[in-house]
Amino acid sequence: MSEDLVEKISASPHLGGEIELAVRENKKLTFAVQKSSKSRFAGKLRYWWCWVAAAGLLLFVATPALIFLWLINRRLWLYPLALWGAETWLKACGARISVTGVDLDPNRSYVFASNHRSYLDTAALFRYAGKRVGLVAKKELLNVPVLGQGMSFVNIIAIDRSNPERARQSMERARAVMDAGYSFGVFVEGTRAMPGELLPFKKGAFHLAMQTNAPIVPVAITNTDWMMGKKTGVAYPGTIEIRLLAPIETTGRDVMEVLVETREAIAAEMGRKGEGGRRGDE
């Protein structure tokens, strides 16, 4: 790691000494989790309503659209409908969206490197990144009826992390999408974290950025862990806060240096939001 980066991490007002070390070593961090004032019963009802709404969108909107666009060979026409579907589903789940941060160059492609704590994150990043983006998603989504078939229409690429060769091929497809002028969103932890957690980052997004000479945009998504967190079985209304942080240039740099700088930016933003933080091995 460069001396400049070490100094930058150490100077962050939102990271304590042990947190700085965990950032540098790419170890799990644990932050405080906000609690909803709504009852758990209400949360369970809303949770199931979210999935009823998702099923309705897939069955009554996406299915006819996929068939029609496949017949006329206009797959990319699905993209505006997918944006509308993501926005509609978030509203159905009671989610409001707040996007803040830097203004991005409309003529450049970026790799958006985001934390990931909830299914809500995927729809939020896809709809509100502010660029035309593809996404890297887990391979299990291919098994979801209609959704799995429609993913390739809007450049959502499934990645099988258990198979290195297939994972490499998936990243090659992502590179081809970026070469065509898209940006790409990657949840760099590789899976959803439990509420309050920031897991170690995988290197795939950073290799993709370097291979395409694209800057990394660190993205801190907060509140989704208490709104619809992993293994909670509840969903609550609230505001998803998406913070687009300053782009990090990748050309000619070491992959771990860029990874740590990205992780520091996201962790510092979570600290700024008042979530606190501690090492996950404590």
Protein backbone atom coordinates (compact mmCIF):
# COMPACT_ATOMS: atom_id res chain seq x y z
CA MET A 1 0.00 0.00 0.00
CA SER A 2 1.30 3.46 -0.82
CA GLU A 3 2.35 5.87 1.95
CA ASP A 4 -0.13 8.45 0.63
CA LEU A 5 -3.01 6.02 1.10
CA VAL A 6 -1.90 5.09 4.61
CA GLU A 7 -1.82 8.79 5.50
CA LYS A 8 -5.26 9.32 3.97
CA ILE A 9 -6.80 6.47 5.98
CA SER A 10 -5.13 7.60 9.19
CA ALA A 11 -6.41 11.15 8.65
CA SER A 12 -10.07 10.13 8.29
CA PRO A 13 -12.11 11.64 11.15
CA HIS A 14 -14.69 8.84 10.90
CA LEU A 15 -12.44 5.80 11.44
CA GLY A 16 -10.88 4.74 14.72
CA GLY A 17 -7.44 3.15 14.95
CA GLU A 18 -8.60 -0.48 14.97
CA ILE A 19 -11.10 0.25 12.22
CA GLU A 20 -8.30 1.74 10.12
CA LEU A 21 -6.37 -1.51 10.55
CA ALA A 22 -9.39 -3.62 9.58
CA VAL A 23 -9.86 -1.48 6.47
CA ARG A 24 -6.23 -1.93 5.43
CA GLU A 25 -6.37 -5.68 6.06
CA ASN A 26 -9.75 -6.04 4.26
CA LYS A 27 -11.42 -7.61 7.29
CA LYS A 28 -15.08 -7.61 8.27
CA LEU A 29 -16.42 -4.52 10.03
CA THR A 30 -19.53 -4.34 12.18
CA PHE A 31 -21.60 -1.17 12.58
CA ALA A 32 -24.56 -0.32 14.79
CA VAL A 33 -27.98 -1.14 13.31
CA GLN A 34 -30.92 1.24 13.50
CA LYS A 35 -34.23 -0.15 14.79
CA SER A 36 -37.63 0.51 13.24
CA SER A 37 -40.40 1.91 15.40
CA LYS A 38 -42.91 -0.30 13.57
CA SER A 39 -44.07 -3.62 15.01
CA ARG A 40 -42.48 -6.87 13.85
CA PHE A 41 -45.91 -8.12 12.76
CA ALA A 42 -46.31 -5.09 10.48
CA GLY A 43 -42.80 -5.75 9.19
CA LYS A 44 -43.66 -9.34 8.30
CA LEU A 45 -46.80 -8.24 6.44
CA ARG A 46 -44.85 -5.69 4.45
CA TYR A 47 -42.11 -8.24 3.74
CA TRP A 48 -44.56 -10.63 2.10
CA TRP A 49 -46.28 -7.75 0.30
CA CYS A 50 -42.91 -6.86 -1.26
CA TRP A 51 -42.64 -10.32 -2.77
CA VAL A 52 -46.28 -10.34 -3.92
CA ALA A 53 -45.58 -7.02 -5.67
CA ALA A 54 -42.40 -8.45 -7.24
CA ALA A 55 -44.29 -11.52 -8.48
CA GLY A 56 -47.03 -9.33 -9.95
CA LEU A 57 -44.52 -7.18 -11.82
CA LEU A 58 -42.75 -10.23 -13.22
CA LEU A 59 -45.95 -12.05 -14.21
CA PHE A 60 -48.11 -9.25 -15.58
CA VAL A 61 -45.52 -6.76 -16.89
CA ALA A 62 -42.20 -8.47 -17.51
CA THR A 63 -43.49 -11.71 -19.06
CA PRO A 64 -45.50 -10.11 -21.90
CA ALA A 65 -42.71 -7.60 -22.52
CA LEU A 66 -40.02 -10.30 -22.74
CA ILE A 67 -42.05 -12.34 -25.21
CA PHE A 68 -42.86 -9.35 -27.40
CA LEU A 69 -39.32 -7.95 -27.44
CA TRP A 70 -37.85 -11.38 -28.11
CA LEU A 71 -40.19 -11.82 -31.10
CA ILE A 72 -39.23 -8.46 -32.62
CA ASN A 73 -35.54 -8.85 -31.62
CA ARG A 74 -35.40 -5.61 -29.64
CA ARG A 75 -34.05 -6.84 -26.32
CA LEU A 76 -32.53 -3.55 -25.19
CA TRP A 77 -35.95 -1.92 -25.33
CA LEU A 78 -36.59 -3.69 -22.04
CA TYR A 79 -34.17 -1.38 -20.23
CA PRO A 80 -36.57 1.57 -19.65
CA LEU A 81 -39.24 -0.86 -18.48
CA ALA A 82 -36.74 -2.48 -16.10
CA LEU A 83 -35.93 0.95 -14.62
CA TRP A 84 -39.63 1.59 -14.11
CA GLY A 85 -40.06 -1.87 -12.56
CA ALA A 86 -37.21 -1.29 -10.10
CA GLU A 87 -38.64 2.09 -9.09
CA THR A 88 -42.17 0.69 -8.75
CA TRP A 89 -41.04 -2.23 -6.61
CA LEU A 90 -39.09 0.04 -4.27
CA LYS A 91 -42.16 2.24 -3.83
CA ALA A 92 -44.30 -0.83 -3.17
CA CYS A 93 -41.87 -1.79 -0.40
CA GLY A 94 -42.24 1.65 1.19
CA ALA A 95 -38.77 2.81 0.18
CA ARG A 96 -37.94 6.43 -0.52
CA ILE A 97 -34.62 7.23 -2.19
CA SER A 98 -32.05 9.90 -1.41
CA VAL A 99 -29.07 10.14 -3.76
CA THR A 100 -26.23 12.48 -2.87
CA GLY A 101 -22.58 12.88 -3.75
CA VAL A 102 -20.44 13.78 -6.73
CA ASP A 103 -21.54 14.68 -10.23
CA LEU A 104 -20.13 12.19 -12.73
CA ASP A 105 -18.82 12.83 -16.24
CA PRO A 106 -21.64 11.83 -18.62
CA ASN A 107 -19.05 10.85 -21.25
CA ARG A 108 -17.20 8.30 -19.11
CA SER A 109 -17.99 4.76 -18.03
CA TYR A 110 -17.52 3.85 -14.38
CA VAL A 111 -17.47 0.79 -12.15
CA PHE A 112 -19.78 1.44 -9.21
CA ALA A 113 -18.42 -0.50 -6.21
CA SER A 114 -21.13 -0.77 -3.57
CA ASN A 115 -21.72 -2.41 -0.21
CA HIS A 116 -24.66 -4.84 -0.06
CA ARG A 117 -27.01 -5.63 2.83
CA SER A 118 -30.44 -6.11 1.26
CA TYR A 119 -32.37 -7.08 -1.86
CA LEU A 120 -33.40 -3.43 -1.95
CA ASP A 121 -29.82 -2.47 -2.83
CA THR A 122 -29.95 -4.16 -6.22
CA ALA A 123 -33.03 -2.30 -7.43
CA ALA A 124 -31.80 0.97 -5.91
CA LEU A 125 -28.35 0.88 -7.53
CA PHE A 126 -29.76 -0.21 -10.90
CA ARG A 127 -32.37 2.57 -10.94
CA TYR A 128 -30.60 5.45 -9.23
CA ALA A 129 -26.88 5.23 -10.07
CA GLY A 130 -27.43 8.04 -12.55
CA LYS A 131 -25.80 6.15 -15.41
CA ARG A 132 -26.92 3.41 -17.79
CA VAL A 133 -25.57 0.45 -15.86
CA GLY A 134 -25.29 -3.29 -16.01
CA LEU A 135 -24.97 -5.30 -12.83
CA VAL A 136 -23.11 -8.36 -11.61
CA ALA A 137 -25.57 -10.63 -9.78
CA LYS A 138 -25.38 -14.01 -8.08
CA LYS A 139 -26.02 -17.05 -10.28
CA GLU A 140 -29.05 -18.18 -8.23
CA LEU A 141 -31.10 -15.37 -9.80
CA LEU A 142 -30.96 -17.26 -13.10
CA ASN A 143 -33.34 -19.79 -11.53
CA VAL A 144 -36.03 -17.19 -10.82
CA PRO A 145 -38.75 -17.51 -13.49
CA VAL A 146 -38.93 -14.54 -15.90
CA LEU A 147 -36.28 -12.60 -13.96
CA GLY A 148 -33.59 -15.09 -14.92
CA GLN A 149 -34.58 -14.92 -18.58
CA GLY A 150 -34.73 -11.13 -18.59
CA MET A 151 -31.38 -10.48 -16.95
CA SER A 152 -29.40 -10.69 -20.18
CA PHE A 153 -31.80 -8.23 -21.83
CA VAL A 154 -30.60 -5.45 -19.51
CA ASN A 155 -26.95 -6.51 -19.07
CA ILE A 156 -27.32 -8.11 -15.66
CA ILE A 157 -24.64 -10.79 -15.64
CA ALA A 158 -24.81 -13.77 -13.29
CA ILE A 159 -21.51 -14.84 -11.75
CA ASP A 160 -20.71 -18.27 -10.32
CA ARG A 161 -18.05 -17.57 -7.71
CA SER A 162 -17.69 -21.30 -6.97
CA ASN A 163 -16.33 -21.86 -10.49
CA PRO A 164 -13.29 -19.66 -11.24
CA GLU A 165 -13.45 -20.26 -15.01
CA ARG A 166 -17.13 -19.34 -15.26
CA ALA A 167 -16.55 -16.33 -13.03
CA ARG A 168 -13.76 -15.21 -15.36
CA GLN A 169 -16.05 -15.61 -18.39
CA SER A 170 -18.74 -13.55 -16.65
CA MET A 171 -16.28 -10.75 -16.01
CA GLU A 172 -15.21 -10.89 -19.67
CA ARG A 173 -18.85 -10.35 -20.65
CA ALA A 174 -19.00 -7.42 -18.24
CA ARG A 175 -15.92 -5.97 -19.89
CA ALA A 176 -17.60 -6.24 -23.30
CA VAL A 177 -20.65 -4.39 -21.93
CA MET A 178 -18.41 -1.58 -20.65
CA ASP A 179 -16.60 -1.42 -23.98
CA ALA A 180 -20.03 -0.76 -25.51
CA GLY A 181 -20.42 2.37 -23.39
CA TYR A 182 -22.19 1.13 -20.28
CA SER A 183 -21.12 1.53 -16.69
CA PHE A 184 -21.23 -1.43 -14.33
CA GLY A 185 -22.42 -1.89 -10.78
CA VAL A 186 -20.78 -4.51 -8.60
CA PHE A 187 -21.57 -5.44 -4.99
CA VAL A 188 -17.98 -5.88 -3.97
CA GLU A 189 -18.61 -8.02 -0.88
CA GLY A 190 -19.78 -10.79 -3.20
CA THR A 191 -22.95 -11.48 -1.19
CA ARG A 192 -25.41 -9.71 1.08
CA ALA A 193 -23.94 -8.90 4.48
CA MET A 194 -25.89 -9.36 7.68
CA PRO A 195 -27.36 -6.16 9.16
CA GLY A 196 -24.61 -3.80 10.27
CA GLU A 197 -21.79 -5.65 8.54
CA LEU A 198 -19.27 -4.60 5.91
CA LEU A 199 -17.66 -7.78 4.60
CA PRO A 200 -14.22 -8.14 2.99
CA PHE A 201 -14.19 -6.99 -0.64
CA LYS A 202 -13.67 -9.29 -3.62
CA LYS A 203 -11.21 -8.21 -6.31
CA GLY A 204 -13.35 -8.76 -9.43
CA ALA A 205 -14.74 -5.22 -9.68
CA PHE A 206 -11.28 -3.73 -9.38
CA HIS A 207 -9.81 -5.98 -12.06
CA LEU A 208 -12.75 -5.03 -14.32
CA ALA A 209 -12.08 -1.32 -13.76
CA MET A 210 -8.38 -1.68 -14.48
CA GLN A 211 -8.93 -3.75 -17.61
CA THR A 212 -11.26 -1.08 -19.00
CA ASN A 213 -9.35 1.94 -17.62
CA ALA A 214 -12.53 2.98 -15.82
CA PRO A 215 -12.59 4.84 -12.51
CA ILE A 216 -14.12 3.18 -9.46
CA VAL A 217 -17.03 5.05 -7.87
CA PRO A 218 -17.38 3.94 -4.23
CA VAL A 219 -21.06 3.73 -3.29
CA ALA A 220 -22.27 3.66 0.32
CA ILE A 221 -25.85 2.41 0.64
CA THR A 222 -27.29 2.80 4.13
CA ASN A 223 -30.56 2.00 5.95
CA THR A 224 -31.45 -1.02 3.81
CA ASP A 225 -30.21 -3.43 6.48
CA TRP A 226 -32.92 -2.41 8.96
CA MET A 227 -35.51 -1.83 6.23
CA MET A 228 -35.20 -5.33 4.71
CA GLY A 229 -32.08 -7.00 6.03
CA LYS A 230 -30.70 -10.44 5.28
CA LYS A 231 -32.45 -13.25 7.21
CA THR A 232 -34.69 -10.80 9.09
CA GLY A 233 -37.95 -11.77 7.36
CA VAL A 234 -39.32 -8.25 7.81
CA ALA A 235 -39.55 -5.07 5.75
CA TYR A 236 -40.10 -1.54 7.01
CA PRO A 237 -40.69 1.76 5.21
CA GLY A 238 -37.82 4.20 5.20
CA THR A 239 -35.34 6.17 3.14
CA ILE A 240 -32.56 4.38 1.28
CA GLU A 241 -29.56 6.69 1.28
CA ILE A 242 -27.18 6.27 -1.67
CA ARG A 243 -23.95 8.23 -1.46
CA LEU A 244 -21.83 8.43 -4.62
CA LEU A 245 -18.28 9.11 -3.47
CA ALA A 246 -15.40 10.66 -5.39
CA PRO A 247 -14.22 8.49 -8.32
CA ILE A 248 -10.92 6.68 -7.86
CA GLU A 249 -8.66 6.43 -10.89
CA THR A 250 -7.33 2.94 -11.53
CA THR A 251 -4.89 3.28 -14.45
CA GLY A 252 -1.42 2.03 -13.56
CA ARG A 253 -2.28 1.25 -9.94
CA ASP A 254 -2.09 -1.86 -7.77
CA VAL A 255 -5.39 -3.70 -7.33
CA MET A 256 -5.12 -3.93 -3.53
CA GLU A 257 -4.29 -0.24 -3.28
CA VAL A 258 -7.49 0.65 -5.15
CA LEU A 259 -9.51 -1.91 -3.16
CA VAL A 260 -8.35 -0.47 0.17
CA GLU A 261 -8.96 3.12 -0.92
CA THR A 262 -12.48 2.18 -2.00
CA ARG A 263 -13.13 0.33 1.23
CA GLU A 264 -11.84 3.27 3.26
CA ALA A 265 -14.21 5.65 1.45
CA ILE A 266 -17.26 3.45 2.08
CA ALA A 267 -16.35 2.71 5.70
CA ALA A 268 -15.70 6.40 6.38
CA GLU A 269 -19.10 7.30 4.94
CA MET A 270 -20.76 4.79 7.23
CA GLY A 271 -18.86 6.35 10.11
CA ARG A 272 -20.00 9.80 8.99
CA LYS A 273 -23.58 8.55 9.05
CA GLY A 274 -23.13 7.87 12.73
CA GLU A 275 -23.18 4.10 12.50
CA GLY A 276 -19.95 3.81 14.49
CA GLY A 277 -18.04 0.64 13.82
CA ARG A 278 -15.84 -2.10 15.19
CA ARG A 279 -13.80 -4.97 13.86
CA GLY A 280 -15.87 -8.02 13.08
CA ASP A 281 -13.49 -10.35 14.92
CA GLU A 282 -13.98 -8.64 18.29
